[in-house]
Amino acid sequence: MATLTLLSSRPLLTRRNGEALTFKGYGLRSSHVFHYSTGCVLKIVQSHGTCKISASMQLRRSNKKEIVIPDPDYRIPVILLGIAGGFLYQDNLLPAATIGLLGSLLLFQATRVRFVFDEEALEVRVGEKLEGSGENVFIGGENRWKYSTFVNWEFWWPNFPILVYFKETQTKPDGQVHFFPIIFNGKQLYDVMLERVGPSKTTLPK
């Protein structure tokens, strides 16, 4: 890497401004300056009235997005189990069994299924160790979809979200539709979808 040498009869002073940031604590007679325009870290060493500046490394400010995993939400399965209990109390066994089975399934899924939003894609993972969910049993292919392939997405009943819908062209060129029960924190899920995918056609909830 190229090295620049500056000879001066005066000590070279550095200051924090729009272009440079001094990193302290590297020694009594040296300092490090990060130059935002070039992304270089410059090492400045003063010795006997002269200053030597060397580009010691290249750094770039990272725009990498952090991984977001919305928290689980158990409201929908708990409500379904409550409704099933009401039917059971009235001796309506068929609806009690049907709704109770659905509520139990969603409760189980809420404890293990996670939406993982990484730098470039939404992926469905399972378990505490966030293992891969394998191939989609209904349409085939990996349960991972790049944001760039999303055509649209929506929340059903945004004030109390129950279903999230999205359509992507990664699975099929003419578009593949997905529906998922919202067993995650609806606000967190909406915010990260808005950030990573862009506004939905309805742009709800406000």
N, C-alpha and C. Protein backbone atom coordinates (compact mmCIF):
# COMPACT_ATOMS: atom_id res chain seq x y z
N MET A 1 0.85 -1.19 0.00
CA MET A 1 0.00 0.00 0.00
C MET A 1 0.89 1.24 0.00
N ALA A 2 0.44 2.26 -0.70
CA ALA A 2 1.24 3.46 -0.82
C ALA A 2 1.41 4.15 0.52
N THR A 3 2.59 4.75 0.72
CA THR A 3 2.87 5.48 1.95
C THR A 3 3.19 6.92 1.61
N LEU A 4 2.57 7.85 2.33
CA LEU A 4 2.82 9.26 2.15
C LEU A 4 3.65 9.76 3.31
N THR A 5 4.67 10.55 3.03
CA THR A 5 5.52 11.10 4.09
C THR A 5 5.44 12.61 4.05
N LEU A 6 5.20 13.21 5.19
CA LEU A 6 5.10 14.66 5.31
C LEU A 6 6.14 15.13 6.30
N LEU A 7 7.01 16.02 5.87
CA LEU A 7 8.02 16.59 6.74
C LEU A 7 7.59 17.98 7.14
N SER A 8 7.63 18.25 8.42
CA SER A 8 7.19 19.54 8.92
C SER A 8 8.01 19.92 10.13
N SER A 9 8.25 21.21 10.28
CA SER A 9 8.99 21.68 11.45
C SER A 9 8.07 21.82 12.65
N ARG A 10 6.78 21.70 12.43
CA ARG A 10 5.83 21.82 13.53
C ARG A 10 5.09 20.51 13.71
N PRO A 11 4.68 20.25 14.90
CA PRO A 11 3.86 19.05 15.11
C PRO A 11 2.58 19.15 14.29
N LEU A 12 2.14 18.04 13.71
CA LEU A 12 0.92 18.00 12.94
C LEU A 12 -0.25 17.75 13.87
N LEU A 13 -1.23 18.63 13.83
CA LEU A 13 -2.40 18.50 14.68
C LEU A 13 -3.56 17.95 13.86
N THR A 14 -4.31 17.07 14.45
CA THR A 14 -5.50 16.54 13.78
C THR A 14 -6.72 16.88 14.60
N ARG A 15 -7.83 17.01 13.97
CA ARG A 15 -9.05 17.34 14.68
C ARG A 15 -10.22 16.63 14.03
N ARG A 16 -11.29 16.52 14.77
CA ARG A 16 -12.49 15.87 14.27
C ARG A 16 -13.32 16.88 13.50
N ASN A 17 -13.61 16.57 12.25
CA ASN A 17 -14.48 17.41 11.44
C ASN A 17 -15.25 16.53 10.48
N GLY A 18 -15.76 17.10 9.39
CA GLY A 18 -16.55 16.32 8.47
C GLY A 18 -15.75 15.30 7.70
N GLU A 19 -14.42 15.41 7.70
CA GLU A 19 -13.61 14.52 6.88
C GLU A 19 -12.74 13.57 7.67
N ALA A 20 -12.41 13.92 8.91
CA ALA A 20 -11.45 13.09 9.63
C ALA A 20 -11.90 12.86 11.06
N LEU A 21 -11.50 11.73 11.58
CA LEU A 21 -11.81 11.39 12.96
C LEU A 21 -10.57 10.80 13.59
N THR A 22 -10.09 11.41 14.67
CA THR A 22 -8.87 10.95 15.34
C THR A 22 -9.20 9.83 16.32
N PHE A 23 -8.45 8.73 16.20
CA PHE A 23 -8.58 7.62 17.13
C PHE A 23 -7.43 7.72 18.13
N LYS A 24 -7.72 7.86 19.41
CA LYS A 24 -6.71 8.05 20.43
C LYS A 24 -6.38 6.74 21.12
N GLY A 25 -5.31 6.75 21.87
CA GLY A 25 -4.96 5.61 22.69
C GLY A 25 -4.02 4.64 22.04
N TYR A 26 -3.36 5.03 20.92
CA TYR A 26 -2.45 4.13 20.24
C TYR A 26 -0.99 4.39 20.61
N GLY A 27 -0.75 5.34 21.50
CA GLY A 27 0.63 5.64 21.87
C GLY A 27 0.81 7.12 22.11
N LEU A 28 1.90 7.47 22.76
CA LEU A 28 2.10 8.87 23.10
C LEU A 28 2.49 9.71 21.91
N ARG A 29 3.14 9.11 20.93
CA ARG A 29 3.65 9.89 19.81
C ARG A 29 3.01 9.51 18.48
N SER A 30 1.86 8.89 18.52
CA SER A 30 1.20 8.53 17.27
C SER A 30 -0.31 8.63 17.45
N SER A 31 -0.98 8.82 16.36
CA SER A 31 -2.44 8.83 16.36
C SER A 31 -2.92 8.26 15.04
N HIS A 32 -4.17 7.86 15.02
CA HIS A 32 -4.76 7.28 13.82
C HIS A 32 -5.96 8.13 13.40
N VAL A 33 -6.05 8.43 12.15
CA VAL A 33 -7.13 9.28 11.62
C VAL A 33 -7.86 8.51 10.53
N PHE A 34 -9.17 8.43 10.67
CA PHE A 34 -9.97 7.81 9.62
C PHE A 34 -10.49 8.89 8.70
N HIS A 35 -10.19 8.79 7.42
CA HIS A 35 -10.60 9.77 6.44
C HIS A 35 -11.85 9.24 5.73
N TYR A 36 -12.96 9.95 5.88
CA TYR A 36 -14.22 9.45 5.39
C TYR A 36 -14.28 9.41 3.86
N SER A 37 -13.64 10.34 3.20
CA SER A 37 -13.74 10.40 1.74
C SER A 37 -13.05 9.22 1.09
N THR A 38 -11.90 8.83 1.61
CA THR A 38 -11.12 7.76 0.99
C THR A 38 -11.27 6.43 1.69
N GLY A 39 -11.77 6.42 2.93
CA GLY A 39 -11.88 5.18 3.67
C GLY A 39 -10.56 4.69 4.22
N CYS A 40 -9.53 5.54 4.25
CA CYS A 40 -8.21 5.15 4.72
C CYS A 40 -8.06 5.45 6.22
N VAL A 41 -7.30 4.60 6.89
CA VAL A 41 -6.86 4.91 8.23
C VAL A 41 -5.41 5.35 8.13
N LEU A 42 -5.16 6.59 8.50
CA LEU A 42 -3.82 7.15 8.40
C LEU A 42 -3.15 7.12 9.76
N LYS A 43 -1.93 6.61 9.81
CA LYS A 43 -1.17 6.61 11.05
C LYS A 43 -0.20 7.79 11.01
N ILE A 44 -0.26 8.63 12.04
CA ILE A 44 0.59 9.82 12.10
C ILE A 44 1.56 9.65 13.26
N VAL A 45 2.84 9.65 12.97
CA VAL A 45 3.88 9.47 13.98
C VAL A 45 4.77 10.70 14.00
N GLN A 46 4.90 11.33 15.17
CA GLN A 46 5.75 12.52 15.31
C GLN A 46 7.09 12.11 15.90
N SER A 47 8.17 12.56 15.27
CA SER A 47 9.50 12.25 15.76
C SER A 47 10.46 13.38 15.43
N HIS A 48 11.01 14.02 16.47
CA HIS A 48 12.03 15.07 16.32
C HIS A 48 11.56 16.19 15.39
N GLY A 49 10.35 16.64 15.58
CA GLY A 49 9.86 17.78 14.82
C GLY A 49 9.34 17.43 13.44
N THR A 50 9.38 16.18 13.02
CA THR A 50 8.84 15.81 11.72
C THR A 50 7.68 14.85 11.92
N CYS A 51 6.79 14.83 10.97
CA CYS A 51 5.62 13.96 11.04
C CYS A 51 5.59 13.05 9.82
N LYS A 52 5.31 11.81 10.07
CA LYS A 52 5.20 10.84 9.00
C LYS A 52 3.77 10.31 8.97
N ILE A 53 3.16 10.36 7.79
CA ILE A 53 1.79 9.88 7.63
C ILE A 53 1.82 8.66 6.71
N SER A 54 1.26 7.57 7.17
CA SER A 54 1.20 6.38 6.33
C SER A 54 -0.22 5.84 6.31
N ALA A 55 -0.66 5.42 5.11
CA ALA A 55 -1.98 4.80 4.98
C ALA A 55 -1.83 3.35 5.40
N SER A 56 -2.19 3.07 6.64
CA SER A 56 -1.89 1.77 7.22
C SER A 56 -2.90 0.69 6.84
N MET A 57 -4.13 1.08 6.53
CA MET A 57 -5.13 0.08 6.17
C MET A 57 -6.27 0.78 5.44
N GLN A 58 -7.10 -0.02 4.77
CA GLN A 58 -8.26 0.49 4.09
C GLN A 58 -9.51 0.04 4.84
N LEU A 59 -10.37 0.99 5.17
CA LEU A 59 -11.64 0.67 5.80
C LEU A 59 -12.75 1.33 5.01
N ARG A 60 -13.86 0.69 4.94
CA ARG A 60 -15.04 1.26 4.31
C ARG A 60 -16.20 1.21 5.30
N ARG A 61 -16.96 2.27 5.33
CA ARG A 61 -18.14 2.25 6.18
C ARG A 61 -19.12 1.22 5.64
N SER A 62 -19.59 0.36 6.50
CA SER A 62 -20.45 -0.74 6.08
C SER A 62 -21.91 -0.33 6.14
N ASN A 63 -22.63 -0.65 5.06
CA ASN A 63 -24.07 -0.43 5.03
C ASN A 63 -24.83 -1.73 5.25
N LYS A 64 -24.14 -2.72 5.77
CA LYS A 64 -24.74 -4.03 5.94
C LYS A 64 -25.87 -3.97 6.96
N LYS A 65 -27.00 -4.56 6.57
CA LYS A 65 -28.16 -4.58 7.46
C LYS A 65 -28.00 -5.70 8.48
N GLU A 66 -28.47 -5.45 9.68
CA GLU A 66 -28.41 -6.46 10.72
C GLU A 66 -29.50 -7.51 10.51
N ILE A 67 -29.30 -8.68 11.08
CA ILE A 67 -30.30 -9.73 11.02
C ILE A 67 -31.42 -9.41 12.00
N VAL A 68 -32.65 -9.50 11.53
CA VAL A 68 -33.82 -9.20 12.35
C VAL A 68 -34.68 -10.46 12.45
N ILE A 69 -35.04 -10.83 13.68
CA ILE A 69 -35.91 -11.98 13.93
C ILE A 69 -37.06 -11.49 14.82
N PRO A 70 -38.25 -11.29 14.26
CA PRO A 70 -39.38 -10.83 15.08
C PRO A 70 -39.68 -11.79 16.22
N ASP A 71 -40.08 -11.24 17.36
CA ASP A 71 -40.41 -12.05 18.53
C ASP A 71 -41.67 -12.88 18.27
N PRO A 72 -41.78 -14.04 18.91
CA PRO A 72 -43.01 -14.83 18.78
C PRO A 72 -44.19 -14.13 19.44
N ASP A 73 -45.39 -14.40 18.94
CA ASP A 73 -46.61 -13.83 19.49
C ASP A 73 -47.63 -14.96 19.60
N TYR A 74 -48.17 -15.15 20.81
CA TYR A 74 -49.05 -16.30 21.06
C TYR A 74 -50.52 -15.91 21.13
N ARG A 75 -50.87 -14.69 20.77
CA ARG A 75 -52.24 -14.24 20.95
C ARG A 75 -53.23 -15.02 20.10
N ILE A 76 -52.92 -15.24 18.83
CA ILE A 76 -53.86 -15.94 17.96
C ILE A 76 -54.11 -17.37 18.43
N PRO A 77 -53.07 -18.18 18.69
CA PRO A 77 -53.37 -19.53 19.18
C PRO A 77 -54.10 -19.55 20.52
N VAL A 78 -53.78 -18.61 21.42
CA VAL A 78 -54.47 -18.58 22.71
C VAL A 78 -55.95 -18.23 22.53
N ILE A 79 -56.25 -17.28 21.63
CA ILE A 79 -57.64 -16.93 21.35
C ILE A 79 -58.39 -18.12 20.75
N LEU A 80 -57.75 -18.82 19.82
CA LEU A 80 -58.39 -20.00 19.21
C LEU A 80 -58.66 -21.07 20.26
N LEU A 81 -57.72 -21.29 21.14
CA LEU A 81 -57.95 -22.28 22.20
C LEU A 81 -59.06 -21.84 23.15
N GLY A 82 -59.16 -20.53 23.39
CA GLY A 82 -60.25 -20.03 24.22
C GLY A 82 -61.60 -20.25 23.56
N ILE A 83 -61.68 -20.01 22.24
CA ILE A 83 -62.93 -20.24 21.50
C ILE A 83 -63.28 -21.72 21.52
N ALA A 84 -62.26 -22.58 21.34
CA ALA A 84 -62.49 -24.02 21.40
C ALA A 84 -63.02 -24.43 22.76
N GLY A 85 -62.49 -23.82 23.81
CA GLY A 85 -62.98 -24.12 25.16
C GLY A 85 -64.44 -23.71 25.34
N GLY A 86 -64.83 -22.58 24.70
CA GLY A 86 -66.22 -22.14 24.77
C GLY A 86 -67.16 -23.12 24.09
N PHE A 87 -66.75 -23.60 22.92
CA PHE A 87 -67.57 -24.60 22.22
C PHE A 87 -67.64 -25.90 23.02
N LEU A 88 -66.52 -26.27 23.62
CA LEU A 88 -66.51 -27.49 24.41
C LEU A 88 -67.45 -27.37 25.60
N TYR A 89 -67.50 -26.19 26.20
CA TYR A 89 -68.38 -25.95 27.34
C TYR A 89 -69.85 -26.10 26.94
N GLN A 90 -70.16 -25.77 25.68
CA GLN A 90 -71.52 -25.88 25.16
C GLN A 90 -71.78 -27.24 24.52
N ASP A 91 -70.85 -28.15 24.67
CA ASP A 91 -70.95 -29.50 24.11
C ASP A 91 -70.99 -29.52 22.59
N ASN A 92 -70.44 -28.51 21.96
CA ASN A 92 -70.28 -28.52 20.50
C ASN A 92 -68.91 -29.11 20.19
N LEU A 93 -68.86 -30.42 20.13
CA LEU A 93 -67.58 -31.11 20.08
C LEU A 93 -66.85 -30.93 18.76
N LEU A 94 -67.57 -30.93 17.64
CA LEU A 94 -66.90 -30.84 16.34
C LEU A 94 -66.17 -29.52 16.16
N PRO A 95 -66.85 -28.35 16.34
CA PRO A 95 -66.10 -27.10 16.22
C PRO A 95 -65.04 -26.95 17.31
N ALA A 96 -65.31 -27.49 18.50
CA ALA A 96 -64.31 -27.41 19.57
C ALA A 96 -63.05 -28.16 19.19
N ALA A 97 -63.23 -29.36 18.60
CA ALA A 97 -62.07 -30.16 18.21
C ALA A 97 -61.31 -29.51 17.06
N THR A 98 -62.06 -28.97 16.07
CA THR A 98 -61.42 -28.37 14.88
C THR A 98 -60.62 -27.12 15.26
N ILE A 99 -61.27 -26.21 15.98
CA ILE A 99 -60.60 -24.96 16.36
C ILE A 99 -59.50 -25.23 17.38
N GLY A 100 -59.74 -26.17 18.28
CA GLY A 100 -58.71 -26.52 19.27
C GLY A 100 -57.48 -27.10 18.63
N LEU A 101 -57.69 -27.93 17.59
CA LEU A 101 -56.55 -28.51 16.88
C LEU A 101 -55.75 -27.43 16.16
N LEU A 102 -56.45 -26.49 15.53
CA LEU A 102 -55.76 -25.39 14.84
C LEU A 102 -55.00 -24.52 15.85
N GLY A 103 -55.63 -24.20 16.97
CA GLY A 103 -54.97 -23.40 18.00
C GLY A 103 -53.74 -24.09 18.57
N SER A 104 -53.83 -25.39 18.78
CA SER A 104 -52.69 -26.15 19.30
C SER A 104 -51.54 -26.18 18.30
N LEU A 105 -51.89 -26.33 17.01
CA LEU A 105 -50.86 -26.35 15.97
C LEU A 105 -50.14 -25.01 15.90
N LEU A 106 -50.91 -23.91 15.92
CA LEU A 106 -50.29 -22.58 15.85
C LEU A 106 -49.47 -22.28 17.10
N LEU A 107 -49.93 -22.75 18.25
CA LEU A 107 -49.18 -22.56 19.48
C LEU A 107 -47.84 -23.28 19.40
N PHE A 108 -47.85 -24.50 18.89
CA PHE A 108 -46.61 -25.25 18.72
C PHE A 108 -45.69 -24.57 17.73
N GLN A 109 -46.25 -24.10 16.61
CA GLN A 109 -45.43 -23.44 15.59
C GLN A 109 -44.84 -22.12 16.11
N ALA A 110 -45.61 -21.42 16.95
CA ALA A 110 -45.11 -20.15 17.49
C ALA A 110 -43.90 -20.35 18.39
N THR A 111 -43.75 -21.52 18.98
CA THR A 111 -42.60 -21.78 19.85
C THR A 111 -41.34 -22.15 19.06
N ARG A 112 -41.50 -22.49 17.77
CA ARG A 112 -40.34 -23.02 17.04
C ARG A 112 -40.04 -22.35 15.70
N VAL A 113 -41.05 -21.80 15.03
CA VAL A 113 -40.84 -21.23 13.70
C VAL A 113 -40.46 -19.76 13.83
N ARG A 114 -39.44 -19.35 13.07
CA ARG A 114 -38.99 -17.96 13.08
C ARG A 114 -38.81 -17.45 11.66
N PHE A 115 -39.18 -16.19 11.45
CA PHE A 115 -38.85 -15.48 10.23
C PHE A 115 -37.50 -14.79 10.47
N VAL A 116 -36.52 -15.08 9.63
CA VAL A 116 -35.19 -14.48 9.76
C VAL A 116 -34.97 -13.56 8.56
N PHE A 117 -34.80 -12.28 8.82
CA PHE A 117 -34.54 -11.29 7.78
C PHE A 117 -33.05 -10.96 7.80
N ASP A 118 -32.32 -11.46 6.80
CA ASP A 118 -30.89 -11.16 6.75
C ASP A 118 -30.63 -10.06 5.74
N GLU A 119 -29.41 -9.97 5.26
CA GLU A 119 -29.02 -8.88 4.38
C GLU A 119 -29.82 -8.86 3.07
N GLU A 120 -30.13 -10.03 2.52
CA GLU A 120 -30.72 -10.05 1.18
C GLU A 120 -32.00 -10.85 1.06
N ALA A 121 -32.41 -11.57 2.11
CA ALA A 121 -33.55 -12.47 1.93
C ALA A 121 -34.30 -12.72 3.24
N LEU A 122 -35.55 -13.15 3.08
CA LEU A 122 -36.36 -13.66 4.19
C LEU A 122 -36.28 -15.17 4.17
N GLU A 123 -35.99 -15.75 5.33
CA GLU A 123 -35.87 -17.19 5.42
C GLU A 123 -36.65 -17.71 6.62
N VAL A 124 -37.29 -18.86 6.45
CA VAL A 124 -38.00 -19.53 7.54
C VAL A 124 -37.05 -20.52 8.19
N ARG A 125 -36.85 -20.37 9.50
CA ARG A 125 -35.99 -21.29 10.25
C ARG A 125 -36.73 -21.80 11.47
N VAL A 126 -36.24 -22.88 12.03
CA VAL A 126 -36.95 -23.53 13.13
C VAL A 126 -36.01 -23.84 14.28
N GLY A 127 -36.59 -23.88 15.50
CA GLY A 127 -35.84 -24.28 16.69
C GLY A 127 -35.00 -23.18 17.28
N GLU A 128 -34.49 -23.44 18.47
CA GLU A 128 -33.66 -22.47 19.18
C GLU A 128 -32.35 -22.21 18.44
N LYS A 129 -31.87 -23.21 17.70
CA LYS A 129 -30.62 -23.05 16.96
C LYS A 129 -30.85 -22.51 15.55
N LEU A 130 -32.09 -22.14 15.25
CA LEU A 130 -32.44 -21.57 13.95
C LEU A 130 -31.93 -22.44 12.80
N GLU A 131 -32.31 -23.69 12.84
CA GLU A 131 -31.92 -24.61 11.78
C GLU A 131 -32.78 -24.39 10.54
N GLY A 132 -32.27 -24.81 9.39
CA GLY A 132 -33.02 -24.68 8.15
C GLY A 132 -34.32 -25.47 8.20
N SER A 133 -35.35 -24.94 7.56
CA SER A 133 -36.66 -25.60 7.58
C SER A 133 -36.82 -26.62 6.47
N GLY A 134 -35.79 -26.78 5.63
CA GLY A 134 -35.86 -27.78 4.57
C GLY A 134 -36.67 -27.30 3.39
N GLU A 135 -37.06 -28.23 2.53
CA GLU A 135 -37.82 -27.89 1.33
C GLU A 135 -39.28 -27.67 1.66
N ASN A 136 -39.89 -26.73 0.96
CA ASN A 136 -41.30 -26.44 1.15
C ASN A 136 -42.13 -27.64 0.71
N VAL A 137 -42.96 -28.16 1.61
CA VAL A 137 -43.68 -29.41 1.34
C VAL A 137 -44.81 -29.22 0.34
N PHE A 138 -45.25 -27.98 0.11
CA PHE A 138 -46.38 -27.74 -0.78
C PHE A 138 -45.94 -27.36 -2.20
N ILE A 139 -44.95 -26.50 -2.31
CA ILE A 139 -44.57 -26.01 -3.63
C ILE A 139 -43.13 -26.34 -4.00
N GLY A 140 -42.39 -26.97 -3.07
CA GLY A 140 -41.01 -27.30 -3.34
C GLY A 140 -40.10 -26.07 -3.21
N GLY A 141 -38.82 -26.30 -3.24
CA GLY A 141 -37.85 -25.22 -3.13
C GLY A 141 -37.56 -24.84 -1.69
N GLU A 142 -36.50 -24.10 -1.51
CA GLU A 142 -36.06 -23.69 -0.17
C GLU A 142 -36.95 -22.58 0.36
N ASN A 143 -37.19 -22.58 1.65
CA ASN A 143 -38.00 -21.54 2.30
C ASN A 143 -37.14 -20.30 2.55
N ARG A 144 -36.65 -19.75 1.48
CA ARG A 144 -35.81 -18.56 1.51
C ARG A 144 -36.08 -17.76 0.24
N TRP A 145 -36.44 -16.49 0.40
CA TRP A 145 -36.84 -15.70 -0.75
C TRP A 145 -36.13 -14.35 -0.71
N LYS A 146 -35.48 -13.99 -1.80
CA LYS A 146 -34.77 -12.72 -1.88
C LYS A 146 -35.77 -11.57 -1.96
N TYR A 147 -35.43 -10.47 -1.27
CA TYR A 147 -36.30 -9.30 -1.28
C TYR A 147 -36.51 -8.77 -2.70
N SER A 148 -35.49 -8.90 -3.52
CA SER A 148 -35.57 -8.36 -4.89
C SER A 148 -36.62 -9.07 -5.74
N THR A 149 -37.08 -10.26 -5.30
CA THR A 149 -38.07 -11.01 -6.07
C THR A 149 -39.50 -10.77 -5.59
N PHE A 150 -39.67 -9.97 -4.52
CA PHE A 150 -41.01 -9.73 -4.00
C PHE A 150 -41.79 -8.81 -4.95
N VAL A 151 -43.00 -9.23 -5.30
CA VAL A 151 -43.88 -8.43 -6.13
C VAL A 151 -44.75 -7.53 -5.26
N ASN A 152 -45.30 -8.11 -4.21
CA ASN A 152 -46.12 -7.35 -3.26
C ASN A 152 -46.25 -8.14 -1.97
N TRP A 153 -46.67 -7.45 -0.93
CA TRP A 153 -46.96 -8.09 0.35
C TRP A 153 -48.05 -7.30 1.05
N GLU A 154 -48.80 -7.98 1.91
CA GLU A 154 -49.90 -7.33 2.62
C GLU A 154 -50.09 -7.96 3.99
N PHE A 155 -50.66 -7.16 4.88
CA PHE A 155 -51.13 -7.66 6.17
C PHE A 155 -52.65 -7.75 6.10
N TRP A 156 -53.21 -8.86 6.54
CA TRP A 156 -54.66 -8.95 6.64
C TRP A 156 -55.10 -8.50 8.03
N TRP A 157 -56.03 -7.57 8.08
CA TRP A 157 -56.51 -6.96 9.32
C TRP A 157 -55.33 -6.38 10.12
N PRO A 158 -54.78 -5.28 9.63
CA PRO A 158 -53.54 -4.74 10.21
C PRO A 158 -53.64 -4.31 11.66
N ASN A 159 -54.84 -3.90 12.12
CA ASN A 159 -54.97 -3.51 13.53
C ASN A 159 -54.78 -4.69 14.47
N PHE A 160 -55.14 -5.87 14.00
CA PHE A 160 -54.86 -7.09 14.74
C PHE A 160 -54.47 -8.13 13.69
N PRO A 161 -53.20 -8.08 13.24
CA PRO A 161 -52.78 -8.88 12.08
C PRO A 161 -52.93 -10.38 12.34
N ILE A 162 -53.55 -11.04 11.38
CA ILE A 162 -53.76 -12.48 11.47
C ILE A 162 -52.99 -13.23 10.40
N LEU A 163 -52.98 -12.66 9.18
CA LEU A 163 -52.28 -13.30 8.07
C LEU A 163 -51.34 -12.30 7.41
N VAL A 164 -50.19 -12.77 6.96
CA VAL A 164 -49.31 -12.00 6.12
C VAL A 164 -49.23 -12.72 4.77
N TYR A 165 -49.33 -11.92 3.73
CA TYR A 165 -49.29 -12.45 2.36
C TYR A 165 -48.14 -11.81 1.62
N PHE A 166 -47.44 -12.59 0.81
CA PHE A 166 -46.50 -11.99 -0.13
C PHE A 166 -46.42 -12.85 -1.38
N LYS A 167 -46.05 -12.19 -2.46
CA LYS A 167 -45.91 -12.85 -3.76
C LYS A 167 -44.50 -12.61 -4.26
N GLU A 168 -43.83 -13.69 -4.68
CA GLU A 168 -42.46 -13.57 -5.15
C GLU A 168 -42.29 -14.33 -6.47
N THR A 169 -41.27 -13.96 -7.22
CA THR A 169 -41.01 -14.58 -8.53
C THR A 169 -39.79 -15.49 -8.50
N GLN A 170 -39.26 -15.75 -7.32
CA GLN A 170 -38.09 -16.63 -7.23
C GLN A 170 -38.49 -18.09 -7.44
N THR A 171 -39.62 -18.50 -6.86
CA THR A 171 -40.08 -19.88 -6.98
C THR A 171 -40.62 -20.16 -8.37
N LYS A 172 -41.45 -19.24 -8.88
CA LYS A 172 -42.02 -19.36 -10.21
C LYS A 172 -41.93 -18.01 -10.91
N PRO A 173 -41.50 -17.98 -12.17
CA PRO A 173 -41.36 -16.69 -12.87
C PRO A 173 -42.65 -15.90 -12.94
N ASP A 174 -43.80 -16.58 -13.00
CA ASP A 174 -45.07 -15.86 -13.07
C ASP A 174 -45.61 -15.49 -11.69
N GLY A 175 -44.86 -15.82 -10.63
CA GLY A 175 -45.22 -15.42 -9.28
C GLY A 175 -45.79 -16.54 -8.44
N GLN A 176 -45.32 -16.64 -7.20
CA GLN A 176 -45.81 -17.63 -6.24
C GLN A 176 -46.33 -16.90 -5.02
N VAL A 177 -47.56 -17.25 -4.60
CA VAL A 177 -48.20 -16.60 -3.47
C VAL A 177 -47.95 -17.40 -2.20
N HIS A 178 -47.71 -16.70 -1.09
CA HIS A 178 -47.50 -17.34 0.22
C HIS A 178 -48.41 -16.67 1.24
N PHE A 179 -49.02 -17.49 2.10
CA PHE A 179 -49.78 -17.01 3.24
C PHE A 179 -49.19 -17.62 4.51
N PHE A 180 -48.98 -16.79 5.52
CA PHE A 180 -48.49 -17.27 6.81
C PHE A 180 -49.33 -16.67 7.93
N PRO A 181 -49.73 -17.49 8.90
CA PRO A 181 -50.37 -16.91 10.09
C PRO A 181 -49.34 -16.08 10.86
N ILE A 182 -49.77 -14.94 11.37
CA ILE A 182 -48.83 -14.06 12.07
C ILE A 182 -48.71 -14.52 13.51
N ILE A 183 -47.75 -15.39 13.74
CA ILE A 183 -47.44 -15.86 15.09
C ILE A 183 -46.17 -15.18 15.59
N PHE A 184 -45.95 -13.96 15.04
CA PHE A 184 -44.81 -13.13 15.43
C PHE A 184 -45.34 -11.77 15.85
N ASN A 185 -44.48 -10.98 16.46
CA ASN A 185 -44.84 -9.61 16.82
C ASN A 185 -45.20 -8.85 15.54
N GLY A 186 -46.48 -8.46 15.42
CA GLY A 186 -46.95 -7.86 14.19
C GLY A 186 -46.26 -6.55 13.86
N LYS A 187 -46.01 -5.72 14.85
CA LYS A 187 -45.34 -4.42 14.61
C LYS A 187 -43.92 -4.63 14.12
N GLN A 188 -43.18 -5.53 14.76
CA GLN A 188 -41.82 -5.81 14.32
C GLN A 188 -41.80 -6.38 12.90
N LEU A 189 -42.73 -7.29 12.63
CA LEU A 189 -42.79 -7.91 11.31
C LEU A 189 -43.12 -6.87 10.24
N TYR A 190 -44.08 -6.01 10.53
CA TYR A 190 -44.43 -4.97 9.56
C TYR A 190 -43.27 -4.03 9.30
N ASP A 191 -42.61 -3.59 10.35
CA ASP A 191 -41.51 -2.63 10.20
C ASP A 191 -40.37 -3.19 9.38
N VAL A 192 -40.00 -4.45 9.61
CA VAL A 192 -38.87 -5.01 8.87
C VAL A 192 -39.27 -5.32 7.43
N MET A 193 -40.52 -5.71 7.19
CA MET A 193 -40.98 -5.91 5.82
C MET A 193 -40.94 -4.58 5.06
N LEU A 194 -41.40 -3.52 5.72
CA LEU A 194 -41.39 -2.20 5.10
C LEU A 194 -39.97 -1.76 4.77
N GLU A 195 -39.03 -2.03 5.69
CA GLU A 195 -37.65 -1.61 5.49
C GLU A 195 -36.96 -2.42 4.39
N ARG A 196 -37.13 -3.76 4.41
CA ARG A 196 -36.36 -4.60 3.50
C ARG A 196 -37.02 -4.76 2.13
N VAL A 197 -38.35 -4.79 2.09
CA VAL A 197 -39.05 -5.05 0.83
C VAL A 197 -39.59 -3.77 0.20
N GLY A 198 -39.92 -2.78 1.04
CA GLY A 198 -40.52 -1.57 0.53
C GLY A 198 -42.00 -1.53 0.85
N PRO A 199 -42.68 -0.41 0.58
CA PRO A 199 -44.09 -0.27 0.93
C PRO A 199 -44.96 -1.31 0.22
N SER A 200 -46.00 -1.77 0.92
CA SER A 200 -47.00 -2.62 0.28
C SER A 200 -47.97 -1.74 -0.49
N LYS A 201 -48.88 -2.37 -1.22
CA LYS A 201 -49.82 -1.59 -2.01
C LYS A 201 -50.76 -0.78 -1.15
N THR A 202 -51.04 -1.29 0.06
CA THR A 202 -51.94 -0.56 0.95
C THR A 202 -51.20 0.32 1.94
N THR A 203 -49.90 0.06 2.13
CA THR A 203 -49.05 0.79 3.09
C THR A 203 -49.68 0.86 4.48
N LEU A 204 -50.33 -0.21 4.89
CA LEU A 204 -50.93 -0.29 6.22
C LEU A 204 -50.16 -1.26 7.08
N PRO A 205 -50.20 -1.21 8.40
CA PRO A 205 -50.90 -0.18 9.20
C PRO A 205 -50.13 1.12 9.25
N LYS A 206 -50.80 2.19 9.56
CA LYS A 206 -50.14 3.49 9.64
C LYS A 206 -49.22 3.51 10.85
